Amino acid sequence: MLKSPLAALILTSSLVACHDREVIAIPDTADIVKPGQMTVTGTATLDVSPDCADLTMTISADNIRPGTATAAVDAEEATLVGALAKLGVEPKDMKLSLVTLEPIYEPNPQGWAQIKVHTYRAQITVTATTRDFGKISTLMEAGADAGATAMSSQFRRSDLPELKKKVRDMALIAAKDKAKQTAGTLGIKLGRVISVAENPNGHMWSSAYFPQANMAETRNDSGVVLGGTMQPLTLEVMIGYELAREI
């Protein structure tokens, strides 16, 4: 007799508890219509030429005493800097790029190095920048007279970072104009920008220096001016748009 009222009480409580719960409906994601998308590209190119050259000159001195070798190469550096200054290279355009001091070991008759120091070699590398390409040969001659044992030249554009910004702006404007034209012709409306990517092309975007293969221009007076030809600075950008929903 006690089982039936108790069972009825439990059943009633369960029904009340179920009745008080809030039922949340989960929408079917298949019914959600995603807005369309459109991707456009814009490309810009700016031809640039070098406006300065970096001359790298290495001087060295050997001595059995490392301190003496270092002092000797310091004296050579002072001579080199003085010679370059006389030719019009300003102090701000000269920098000390590398300093090394290494032991030179004595070889034995079998050709492999013994653990015996023959001498110490001190080396200093100086980089001088000039904007007058006609002075390059004269500057190198001064370097040789000052004791430079190795010399090289590379050409670059001093305002390359600013030129890259200009090309990027040009490419973005080209992509934006293309998107507006496409949307207008197709009768659609553009929504928010959902992606932006860029693809640089050519040698100049990833390198500070002009390619070595393009370093010579011949003048009408049969002389040679080092400096190089024009190089393209090219960038392609991709912009993804979300299409506006029709209301």
Protein backbone atom coordinates (compact mmCIF):
# COMPACT_ATOMS: atom_id res chain seq x y z
CA MET A 1 0.00 0.00 0.00
CA LEU A 2 2.89 2.39 0.59
CA LYS A 3 4.51 1.79 -2.80
CA SER A 4 1.80 3.40 -4.92
CA PRO A 5 1.67 6.86 -3.21
CA LEU A 6 5.47 6.98 -3.16
CA ALA A 7 5.71 6.10 -6.83
CA ALA A 8 3.10 8.73 -7.66
CA LEU A 9 5.04 11.35 -5.69
CA ILE A 10 8.29 10.56 -7.50
CA LEU A 11 6.55 10.68 -10.88
CA THR A 12 4.94 14.04 -10.08
CA SER A 13 8.29 15.55 -9.02
CA SER A 14 9.93 14.36 -12.21
CA LEU A 15 7.22 15.91 -14.34
CA VAL A 16 7.53 19.24 -12.50
CA ALA A 17 11.31 19.25 -12.92
CA CYS A 18 11.05 18.53 -16.62
CA HIS A 19 8.41 21.22 -16.99
CA ASP A 20 10.71 23.87 -15.42
CA ARG A 21 13.70 23.21 -17.73
CA GLU A 22 14.38 25.69 -20.55
CA VAL A 23 14.63 24.03 -23.94
CA ILE A 24 17.24 25.61 -26.25
CA ALA A 25 16.86 24.96 -29.94
CA ILE A 26 20.11 24.50 -31.88
CA PRO A 27 19.78 25.85 -35.40
CA ASP A 28 20.82 23.71 -38.28
CA THR A 29 24.07 25.17 -39.66
CA ALA A 30 23.09 23.95 -43.07
CA ASP A 31 20.31 26.57 -43.11
CA ILE A 32 22.79 29.48 -42.54
CA VAL A 33 23.62 31.18 -45.83
CA LYS A 34 27.15 32.50 -45.86
CA PRO A 35 27.85 35.71 -47.80
CA GLY A 36 29.72 35.41 -51.06
CA GLN A 37 33.34 36.39 -51.43
CA MET A 38 35.49 37.97 -54.11
CA THR A 39 39.27 38.24 -54.42
CA VAL A 40 41.02 40.79 -56.61
CA THR A 41 44.69 41.40 -57.37
CA GLY A 42 46.56 44.62 -57.94
CA THR A 43 50.08 44.93 -59.32
CA ALA A 44 52.42 47.93 -59.32
CA THR A 45 55.91 48.37 -60.74
CA LEU A 46 58.38 51.19 -60.27
CA ASP A 47 61.67 51.23 -62.19
CA VAL A 48 64.55 52.30 -59.97
CA SER A 49 68.23 52.96 -60.55
CA PRO A 50 71.08 53.01 -58.00
CA ASP A 51 72.01 56.33 -56.46
CA CYS A 52 75.01 55.25 -54.37
CA ALA A 53 77.79 52.67 -54.26
CA ASP A 54 79.30 50.90 -51.25
CA LEU A 55 83.02 50.24 -51.62
CA THR A 56 84.32 47.54 -49.29
CA MET A 57 88.08 47.65 -48.60
CA THR A 58 90.03 45.21 -46.44
CA ILE A 59 93.44 46.02 -44.97
CA SER A 60 95.62 43.58 -43.06
CA ALA A 61 98.88 43.35 -41.12
CA ASP A 62 100.90 40.33 -39.94
CA ASN A 63 103.13 40.12 -36.89
CA ILE A 64 104.28 37.49 -34.44
CA ARG A 65 102.85 39.65 -31.67
CA PRO A 66 99.05 40.12 -31.86
CA GLY A 67 99.24 43.58 -30.30
CA THR A 68 101.78 44.71 -32.86
CA ALA A 69 99.65 43.35 -35.71
CA THR A 70 96.61 45.20 -34.36
CA ALA A 71 98.54 48.46 -34.00
CA ALA A 72 99.88 48.14 -37.55
CA VAL A 73 96.45 47.60 -39.07
CA ASP A 74 95.06 50.51 -37.03
CA ALA A 75 97.71 52.74 -38.59
CA GLU A 76 96.75 51.49 -42.06
CA GLU A 77 93.11 52.22 -41.29
CA ALA A 78 93.95 55.82 -40.34
CA THR A 79 95.86 56.22 -43.61
CA LEU A 80 92.97 54.78 -45.61
CA VAL A 81 90.33 56.95 -43.92
CA GLY A 82 92.48 60.04 -44.48
CA ALA A 83 92.93 59.25 -48.16
CA LEU A 84 89.20 58.72 -48.67
CA ALA A 85 88.40 61.95 -46.83
CA LYS A 86 90.70 63.89 -49.16
CA LEU A 87 88.68 62.57 -52.08
CA GLY A 88 85.46 63.93 -50.63
CA VAL A 89 84.05 60.94 -48.71
CA GLU A 90 82.36 62.32 -45.60
CA PRO A 91 82.85 60.70 -42.16
CA LYS A 92 79.17 59.65 -42.03
CA ASP A 93 79.72 57.69 -45.26
CA MET A 94 82.57 55.61 -43.82
CA LYS A 95 82.03 52.80 -41.36
CA LEU A 96 84.08 50.05 -39.80
CA SER A 97 82.42 46.86 -41.01
CA LEU A 98 84.60 44.09 -39.61
CA VAL A 99 87.64 43.58 -37.36
CA THR A 100 89.39 40.20 -37.07
CA LEU A 101 92.55 38.83 -35.48
CA GLU A 102 93.49 35.24 -36.23
CA PRO A 103 96.60 33.08 -35.84
CA ILE A 104 98.42 31.73 -38.89
CA TYR A 105 99.94 28.33 -38.19
CA GLU A 106 103.20 26.96 -39.56
CA PRO A 107 102.75 24.19 -42.12
CA ASN A 108 104.95 21.12 -41.94
CA PRO A 109 106.48 19.27 -44.92
CA GLN A 110 103.49 16.92 -45.02
CA GLY A 111 101.18 19.87 -45.61
CA TRP A 112 99.00 19.80 -42.50
CA ALA A 113 99.11 22.54 -39.89
CA GLN A 114 101.13 22.05 -36.73
CA ILE A 115 99.98 23.43 -33.44
CA LYS A 116 102.45 26.25 -33.70
CA VAL A 117 101.60 29.85 -34.46
CA HIS A 118 103.70 31.34 -37.22
CA THR A 119 102.20 34.83 -37.01
CA TYR A 120 99.03 36.76 -36.22
CA ARG A 121 96.97 38.46 -38.92
CA ALA A 122 94.85 41.49 -38.05
CA GLN A 123 92.27 42.65 -40.59
CA ILE A 124 89.95 45.62 -40.79
CA THR A 125 87.18 46.05 -43.36
CA VAL A 126 86.05 49.58 -44.11
CA THR A 127 82.94 50.40 -46.16
CA ALA A 128 82.88 53.78 -47.91
CA THR A 129 79.75 55.09 -49.63
CA THR A 130 79.87 57.44 -52.61
CA ARG A 131 77.14 58.96 -54.74
CA ASP A 132 79.57 59.99 -57.46
CA PHE A 133 80.11 56.88 -59.58
CA GLY A 134 82.85 58.63 -61.53
CA LYS A 135 85.04 58.56 -58.39
CA ILE A 136 84.92 54.81 -57.86
CA SER A 137 88.15 54.01 -59.68
CA THR A 138 89.93 56.90 -57.92
CA LEU A 139 88.69 55.72 -54.51
CA MET A 140 89.85 52.19 -55.22
CA GLU A 141 93.26 53.46 -56.27
CA ALA A 142 93.49 55.36 -52.99
CA GLY A 143 92.55 52.18 -51.16
CA ALA A 144 95.29 50.22 -52.91
CA ASP A 145 97.84 52.92 -52.06
CA ALA A 146 96.76 52.72 -48.40
CA GLY A 147 97.43 48.99 -48.33
CA ALA A 148 94.02 47.47 -49.09
CA THR A 149 94.43 43.81 -50.03
CA ALA A 150 90.83 43.21 -51.17
CA MET A 151 88.23 45.58 -52.61
CA SER A 152 84.72 45.21 -54.00
CA SER A 153 81.78 47.45 -54.91
CA GLN A 154 78.02 47.08 -54.69
CA PHE A 155 75.33 49.47 -55.85
CA ARG A 156 72.09 50.28 -54.06
CA ARG A 157 69.23 52.74 -53.75
CA SER A 158 69.45 54.74 -50.52
CA ASP A 159 65.68 55.40 -50.29
CA LEU A 160 64.58 51.87 -51.18
CA PRO A 161 62.31 51.43 -48.09
CA GLU A 162 60.34 54.56 -49.01
CA LEU A 163 60.06 53.40 -52.62
CA LYS A 164 58.67 50.07 -51.43
CA LYS A 165 55.96 51.91 -49.48
CA LYS A 166 55.07 53.87 -52.62
CA VAL A 167 54.80 50.69 -54.71
CA ARG A 168 52.64 49.03 -52.03
CA ASP A 169 50.27 52.01 -52.02
CA MET A 170 50.08 51.86 -55.82
CA ALA A 171 49.29 48.13 -55.76
CA LEU A 172 46.60 48.52 -53.08
CA ILE A 173 44.95 51.36 -54.98
CA ALA A 174 45.00 49.27 -58.17
CA ALA A 175 43.35 46.33 -56.38
CA LYS A 176 40.73 48.57 -54.77
CA ASP A 177 39.85 50.21 -58.09
CA LYS A 178 39.56 46.79 -59.74
CA ALA A 179 37.21 45.60 -57.00
CA LYS A 180 34.97 48.65 -57.37
CA GLN A 181 34.87 48.30 -61.16
CA THR A 182 34.07 44.58 -60.98
CA ALA A 183 31.34 45.07 -58.40
CA GLY A 184 29.78 47.92 -60.38
CA THR A 185 29.76 45.97 -63.64
CA LEU A 186 28.28 42.85 -62.01
CA GLY A 187 25.76 44.82 -59.97
CA ILE A 188 26.94 43.57 -56.60
CA LYS A 189 27.95 45.38 -53.43
CA LEU A 190 31.20 44.95 -51.58
CA GLY A 191 31.30 44.20 -47.87
CA ARG A 192 34.19 44.19 -45.47
CA VAL A 193 37.76 43.23 -46.34
CA ILE A 194 38.47 39.72 -45.04
CA SER A 195 42.02 39.09 -46.26
CA VAL A 196 45.07 40.91 -47.59
CA ALA A 197 48.21 39.23 -48.93
CA GLU A 198 51.14 40.35 -51.03
CA ASN A 199 53.52 38.66 -53.42
CA PRO A 200 56.76 40.54 -54.18
CA ASN A 201 58.40 39.90 -57.53
CA GLY A 202 61.88 40.52 -58.86
CA HIS A 203 65.35 40.84 -57.38
CA MET A 204 65.07 44.31 -55.87
CA TRP A 205 62.26 43.60 -53.39
CA SER A 206 64.31 41.09 -51.41
CA SER A 207 67.81 42.55 -51.87
CA ALA A 208 69.36 45.84 -50.85
CA TYR A 209 71.83 45.74 -53.76
CA PHE A 210 71.42 45.73 -57.50
CA PRO A 211 72.36 42.54 -59.36
CA GLN A 212 76.01 42.37 -60.33
CA ALA A 213 75.19 41.55 -63.95
CA ASN A 214 73.83 45.02 -64.55
CA MET A 215 76.67 47.17 -63.29
CA ALA A 216 78.08 48.78 -66.43
CA GLU A 217 76.85 51.49 -68.76
CA THR A 218 78.93 52.71 -71.68
CA ARG A 219 79.02 56.43 -72.38
CA ASN A 220 79.39 58.07 -75.77
CA ASP A 221 82.97 59.12 -74.93
CA SER A 222 83.89 55.41 -74.72
CA GLY A 223 84.37 55.67 -70.96
CA VAL A 224 82.65 53.33 -68.56
CA VAL A 225 80.41 54.47 -65.72
CA LEU A 226 79.65 51.89 -63.05
CA GLY A 227 76.20 52.06 -61.60
CA GLY A 228 73.87 49.71 -63.39
CA THR A 229 70.66 49.83 -65.32
CA MET A 230 67.09 50.36 -64.16
CA GLN A 231 65.59 47.54 -62.13
CA PRO A 232 61.86 46.86 -61.60
CA LEU A 233 60.50 47.10 -58.08
CA THR A 234 57.30 45.04 -58.35
CA LEU A 235 54.62 44.02 -55.85
CA GLU A 236 51.34 42.16 -56.28
CA VAL A 237 48.65 42.33 -53.61
CA MET A 238 45.57 40.14 -53.20
CA ILE A 239 42.51 41.55 -51.37
CA GLY A 240 39.59 39.37 -50.37
CA TYR A 241 36.16 41.00 -49.99
CA GLU A 242 33.00 39.70 -48.39
CA LEU A 243 30.02 40.52 -50.57
CA ALA A 244 27.21 42.50 -48.95
CA ARG A 245 24.02 40.54 -48.39
CA GLU A 246 20.97 41.51 -50.36
CA ILE A 247 18.19 42.88 -48.15
